[in-house]
């Protein structure tokens, strides 16, 4: 309980997640969050998988997409997204995974600054 209280106090600092590394945040999300869905991006050349999580902190819910790219399957990138973005992604069955990623997840890349790419002129641009 002490660890959870410490994490909660740590996360409540303003801005909410700015005090920790992306790796620390990802670990907390996986350990304390609720796994909602995993999309195995079969047949996609860029994406390997996307895991969606919900993390509750003092009666507020936060939603995250943990994205693994085929270029580095040992690294997960964390995006803080909205519940609506997650629901739209998971219910848009007739669109390719990469198109859904750019439409519903990538627009949130600057919320945490834990993503590897910015979209410039429809090209991947490594940070």
Protein backbone atom coordinates (compact mmCIF):
# COMPACT_ATOMS: atom_id res chain seq x y z
CA UNK A 1 0.00 0.00 0.00
CA UNK A 2 2.88 2.34 0.79
CA UNK A 3 4.30 1.83 -2.70
CA UNK A 4 0.94 2.61 -4.33
CA UNK A 5 0.57 5.74 -2.17
CA UNK A 6 4.05 6.86 -3.16
CA UNK A 7 3.31 6.24 -6.82
CA UNK A 8 0.01 8.10 -6.52
CA UNK A 9 1.67 11.11 -4.90
CA UNK A 10 4.42 11.01 -7.50
CA UNK A 11 1.93 10.87 -10.37
CA UNK A 12 -0.14 13.72 -8.99
CA UNK A 13 2.65 16.24 -9.46
CA UNK A 14 1.98 18.92 -12.07
CA UNK A 15 2.27 18.24 -14.97
CA UNK A 16 0.95 14.82 -14.16
CA UNK A 17 3.59 12.46 -15.61
CA UNK A 18 6.47 14.85 -16.28
CA UNK A 19 8.59 13.81 -13.29
CA UNK A 20 9.41 10.28 -14.50
CA UNK A 21 11.05 8.62 -17.45
CA UNK A 22 9.00 7.01 -20.18
CA UNK A 23 10.27 3.59 -19.11
CA UNK A 24 9.18 4.18 -15.50
CA UNK A 25 5.75 5.31 -16.61
CA UNK A 26 5.35 2.29 -18.91
CA UNK A 27 6.28 -0.03 -16.05
CA UNK A 28 3.68 1.59 -13.75
CA UNK A 29 1.00 1.37 -16.45
CA UNK A 30 1.68 -2.34 -17.00
CA UNK A 31 1.91 -3.13 -13.28
CA UNK A 32 -0.99 -1.05 -11.94
CA UNK A 33 -3.18 -0.43 -14.98
CA UNK A 34 -6.00 -2.51 -16.40
CA UNK A 35 -5.18 -4.13 -19.72
CA UNK A 36 -8.12 -3.45 -22.02
CA UNK A 37 -7.13 -4.89 -25.39
CA UNK A 38 -4.11 -5.89 -27.45
CA UNK A 39 -4.06 -5.41 -31.21
CA UNK A 40 -1.53 -7.69 -32.89
CA UNK A 41 -0.90 -5.79 -36.09
CA UNK A 42 -0.56 -8.81 -38.34
CA UNK A 43 0.51 -7.97 -41.85
CA UNK A 44 1.47 -4.40 -41.01
CA UNK A 45 4.97 -3.38 -42.08
CA UNK A 46 5.48 -0.69 -39.39
CA UNK A 47 3.50 -1.78 -36.33
CA UNK A 48 3.99 -4.96 -34.33
CA UNK A 49 1.34 -4.49 -31.62
CA UNK A 50 -0.61 -1.93 -29.65
CA UNK A 51 -1.71 -2.57 -26.06
CA UNK A 52 -4.41 -0.40 -24.50
CA UNK A 53 -4.48 0.28 -20.76
CA UNK A 54 -6.59 2.20 -18.28
CA UNK A 55 -4.95 3.57 -15.12
CA UNK A 56 -7.06 5.00 -12.31
CA UNK A 57 -5.47 7.65 -10.11
CA UNK A 58 -7.58 9.22 -7.35
CA UNK A 59 -10.92 8.74 -9.12
CA UNK A 60 -9.58 9.91 -12.51
CA UNK A 61 -9.05 7.48 -15.37
CA UNK A 62 -6.17 7.81 -17.82
CA UNK A 63 -5.85 5.84 -21.04
CA UNK A 64 -2.65 4.72 -22.70
CA UNK A 65 -1.54 2.99 -25.87
CA UNK A 66 1.72 1.06 -25.61
CA UNK A 67 3.00 0.78 -29.16
CA UNK A 68 5.65 -1.60 -30.46
CA UNK A 69 7.10 -0.96 -33.91
CA UNK A 70 8.59 -3.68 -36.09
CA UNK A 71 11.83 -1.71 -36.33
CA UNK A 72 12.47 -2.37 -32.61
CA UNK A 73 10.24 -5.03 -31.08
CA UNK A 74 12.09 -4.77 -27.76
CA UNK A 75 10.94 -1.17 -27.13
CA UNK A 76 7.44 0.01 -26.24
CA UNK A 77 6.44 3.61 -26.78
CA UNK A 78 3.82 5.13 -24.51
CA UNK A 79 1.06 7.44 -25.69
CA UNK A 80 -1.46 8.98 -23.30
CA UNK A 81 -4.68 9.01 -25.30
CA UNK A 82 -8.37 9.58 -24.61
CA UNK A 83 -10.96 6.92 -24.01
CA UNK A 84 -12.69 8.06 -27.20
CA UNK A 85 -9.49 7.63 -29.23
CA UNK A 86 -9.06 4.11 -27.87
CA UNK A 87 -12.68 3.20 -28.61
CA UNK A 88 -12.46 4.63 -32.12
CA UNK A 89 -9.26 2.69 -32.83
CA UNK A 90 -10.63 -0.61 -31.56
CA UNK A 91 -13.95 -0.29 -33.37
CA UNK A 92 -12.63 0.84 -36.77
CA UNK A 93 -12.43 -2.67 -38.26
CA UNK A 94 -12.14 -1.86 -41.94
CA UNK A 95 -9.09 0.40 -41.80
CA UNK A 96 -5.44 -0.69 -41.81
CA UNK A 97 -3.67 -0.62 -38.46
CA UNK A 98 -1.16 2.03 -39.57
CA UNK A 99 -3.94 4.33 -40.76
CA UNK A 100 -5.75 3.92 -37.43
CA UNK A 101 -2.47 4.60 -35.61
CA UNK A 102 -1.95 7.91 -37.44
CA UNK A 103 -5.59 8.89 -36.99
CA UNK A 104 -6.27 7.92 -33.37
CA UNK A 105 -2.94 7.51 -31.51
CA UNK A 106 -0.19 9.57 -33.13
CA UNK A 107 -2.01 12.90 -32.60
CA UNK A 108 -1.27 12.38 -28.88
CA UNK A 109 2.50 11.97 -29.38
CA UNK A 110 3.35 15.25 -27.63
CA UNK A 111 1.26 14.64 -24.50
CA UNK A 112 4.01 12.58 -22.87
CA UNK A 113 6.80 12.96 -25.43
CA UNK A 114 7.41 9.20 -25.23
CA UNK A 115 6.98 8.41 -28.90
CA UNK A 116 9.71 7.89 -31.49
CA UNK A 117 8.24 9.71 -34.46
CA UNK A 118 6.74 12.95 -35.59
CA UNK A 119 4.78 12.95 -38.79
CA UNK A 120 6.20 15.33 -41.35
CA UNK A 121 4.96 15.41 -44.91
CA UNK A 122 3.55 11.89 -44.57
CA UNK A 123 6.97 10.41 -43.70
CA UNK A 124 8.35 8.88 -40.55
CA UNK A 125 10.80 11.27 -38.97
CA UNK A 126 12.82 9.78 -36.11
CA UNK A 127 13.28 12.04 -33.12
